[in-house]
Amino acid sequence: MNIECSHFNELTVEKLYALLRLRSEVFVVEQNCVFLDMDNKDQPCHHLLVWDNDNLVAAARLVPPGVTYHEMSIGRVVSNPAYRGSGAGRLLMAAAIEECYRLFGTGPIKIGAQLYLEKFYGSFGFERQGEVYDEDGIDHIKMLKQYS
């Protein structure tokens, strides 16, 4: 698998299409969640893409501090259903954390995680912050990772 990190302005039309298609496939179709994915937060962000040849395996949005939260953030984490169980999600998150520190410094990273993934994110050092909240019909929690 090949990992690449590109600012929004550096994405080719083909890569942007693959990214938006995967997010739609998982968030809208698979999770049956009607929401506006294109929220005008993609443009200031870097996007981490994991490829298997021409297949987009997983992706995440690396959000600078001050865009979603005061802290830097990782969002729109998505895995291609055909590659689940391959370790691509773990590869993606490890790389996303490393890239956030490289791009934005060594501050804390805050995420809004789907509740069922709390243990997964916890394995990377994220700790639950606050209560469960509903986002687009799915239970979420805020989580924070301190730099270590």
Protein backbone atom coordinates (compact mmCIF):
# COMPACT_ATOMS: atom_id res chain seq x y z
CA MET A 1 0.00 0.00 0.00
CA ASN A 2 1.12 3.52 -0.80
CA ILE A 3 0.38 6.52 1.45
CA GLU A 4 0.35 10.08 0.21
CA CYS A 5 -0.43 13.37 1.92
CA SER A 6 -1.54 16.31 -0.20
CA HIS A 7 -3.02 19.71 0.47
CA PHE A 8 -6.48 20.12 -1.04
CA ASN A 9 -5.05 22.39 -3.76
CA GLU A 10 -2.59 19.65 -4.78
CA LEU A 11 -5.20 16.91 -5.31
CA THR A 12 -5.81 15.97 -8.92
CA VAL A 13 -9.39 15.87 -10.11
CA GLU A 14 -9.16 12.06 -10.25
CA LYS A 15 -7.90 11.78 -6.65
CA LEU A 16 -10.50 14.24 -5.37
CA TYR A 17 -13.23 12.27 -7.13
CA ALA A 18 -11.99 8.98 -5.61
CA LEU A 19 -11.89 10.60 -2.15
CA LEU A 20 -15.40 12.06 -2.36
CA ARG A 21 -16.76 8.85 -3.85
CA LEU A 22 -15.35 6.73 -0.99
CA ARG A 23 -16.68 9.12 1.64
CA SER A 24 -20.12 9.06 -0.01
CA GLU A 25 -20.05 5.27 -0.33
CA VAL A 26 -19.35 4.79 3.37
CA PHE A 27 -20.91 7.76 5.16
CA VAL A 28 -24.03 8.27 3.03
CA VAL A 29 -24.81 4.86 1.53
CA GLU A 30 -23.38 2.29 3.99
CA GLN A 31 -24.13 4.25 7.18
CA ASN A 32 -27.40 5.58 5.76
CA CYS A 33 -26.53 9.08 6.91
CA VAL A 34 -27.96 12.00 4.99
CA PHE A 35 -25.60 14.94 5.52
CA LEU A 36 -23.64 17.48 3.53
CA ASP A 37 -20.16 15.95 3.30
CA MET A 38 -18.71 18.91 1.41
CA ASP A 39 -18.73 21.32 4.37
CA ASN A 40 -16.14 23.85 3.12
CA LYS A 41 -13.54 22.45 5.55
CA ASP A 42 -11.69 20.37 2.94
CA GLN A 43 -10.01 23.37 1.32
CA PRO A 44 -7.67 24.41 4.19
CA CYS A 45 -6.79 20.78 4.96
CA HIS A 46 -4.31 18.16 3.93
CA HIS A 47 -5.73 14.81 2.87
CA LEU A 48 -4.07 11.51 3.65
CA LEU A 49 -4.80 8.84 1.05
CA VAL A 50 -3.89 5.14 1.22
CA TRP A 51 -3.77 3.45 -2.17
CA ASP A 52 -3.51 -0.13 -3.37
CA ASN A 53 -2.51 0.48 -6.98
CA ASP A 54 -5.46 2.52 -8.34
CA ASN A 55 -7.84 1.61 -5.50
CA LEU A 56 -8.38 4.12 -2.70
CA VAL A 57 -8.17 2.00 0.45
CA ALA A 58 -8.59 4.62 3.20
CA ALA A 59 -8.48 8.36 3.73
CA ALA A 60 -8.46 11.04 6.41
CA ARG A 61 -8.69 14.80 6.52
CA LEU A 62 -5.91 16.52 8.49
CA VAL A 63 -7.41 19.70 9.88
CA PRO A 64 -5.29 22.67 10.98
CA PRO A 65 -5.91 24.21 14.40
CA GLY A 66 -8.78 26.68 14.42
CA VAL A 67 -10.79 25.14 11.56
CA THR A 68 -12.97 22.60 13.42
CA TYR A 69 -11.55 22.88 16.94
CA HIS A 70 -9.02 25.08 18.67
CA GLU A 71 -6.68 22.06 18.37
CA MET A 72 -5.54 20.32 15.19
CA SER A 73 -7.83 17.48 14.20
CA ILE A 74 -8.21 14.34 12.13
CA GLY A 75 -11.58 13.96 10.46
CA ARG A 76 -13.53 12.19 7.74
CA VAL A 77 -11.64 8.97 8.54
CA VAL A 78 -12.91 6.38 6.10
CA SER A 79 -11.98 2.85 5.03
CA ASN A 80 -12.97 1.11 1.82
CA PRO A 81 -15.29 -1.79 2.79
CA ALA A 82 -13.35 -4.14 0.48
CA TYR A 83 -10.17 -3.58 2.53
CA ARG A 84 -11.52 -3.78 6.08
CA GLY A 85 -9.53 -6.15 8.24
CA SER A 86 -6.40 -5.58 6.17
CA GLY A 87 -4.75 -3.25 8.70
CA ALA A 88 -5.27 -0.25 6.43
CA GLY A 89 -7.20 1.66 9.12
CA ARG A 90 -4.37 1.28 11.63
CA LEU A 91 -1.84 2.29 8.96
CA LEU A 92 -3.96 5.33 8.11
CA MET A 93 -4.34 6.53 11.72
CA ALA A 94 -0.66 6.07 12.59
CA ALA A 95 0.30 8.06 9.49
CA ALA A 96 -2.39 10.70 10.17
CA ILE A 97 -1.06 11.36 13.67
CA GLU A 98 2.53 11.56 12.41
CA GLU A 99 1.54 13.92 9.58
CA CYS A 100 -0.46 16.17 11.92
CA TYR A 101 2.61 16.65 14.10
CA ARG A 102 4.78 17.29 11.04
CA LEU A 103 2.35 19.80 9.53
CA PHE A 104 0.94 21.57 12.58
CA GLY A 105 3.39 21.03 15.45
CA THR A 106 3.27 18.96 18.60
CA GLY A 107 0.04 20.12 20.19
CA PRO A 108 -2.96 17.98 21.13
CA ILE A 109 -5.14 16.37 18.45
CA LYS A 110 -8.93 16.46 18.94
CA ILE A 111 -11.38 14.24 17.08
CA GLY A 112 -15.12 13.68 16.96
CA ALA A 113 -15.28 9.89 16.85
CA GLN A 114 -18.14 7.54 16.19
CA LEU A 115 -18.80 5.93 19.57
CA TYR A 116 -18.31 2.36 18.37
CA LEU A 117 -14.72 3.26 17.39
CA GLU A 118 -13.72 4.54 20.86
CA LYS A 119 -11.52 1.51 21.58
CA PHE A 120 -9.83 1.78 18.15
CA TYR A 121 -8.92 5.45 18.68
CA GLY A 122 -8.02 4.74 22.30
CA SER A 123 -5.35 2.34 21.06
CA PHE A 124 -3.61 5.39 19.53
CA GLY A 125 -3.70 7.34 22.80
CA PHE A 126 -6.94 9.27 22.29
CA GLU A 127 -8.96 9.73 25.49
CA ARG A 128 -12.66 10.37 25.77
CA GLN A 129 -13.70 13.95 26.50
CA GLY A 130 -17.27 14.61 27.62
CA GLU A 131 -20.54 12.88 26.92
CA VAL A 132 -21.97 11.04 23.94
CA TYR A 133 -23.65 13.32 21.40
CA ASP A 134 -25.68 12.72 18.27
CA GLU A 135 -24.25 13.79 14.94
CA ASP A 136 -26.41 13.04 11.92
CA GLY A 137 -28.14 10.16 13.73
CA ILE A 138 -24.90 8.46 14.88
CA ASP A 139 -23.56 8.49 18.45
CA HIS A 140 -20.23 10.33 18.68
CA ILE A 141 -17.75 11.34 21.37
CA LYS A 142 -15.00 13.94 21.46
CA MET A 143 -11.54 12.44 22.05
CA LEU A 144 -8.20 14.10 22.67
CA LYS A 145 -4.64 12.88 22.19
CA GLN A 146 -1.86 14.72 23.96
CA TYR A 147 1.52 14.81 22.29
CA SER A 148 3.80 12.13 23.70
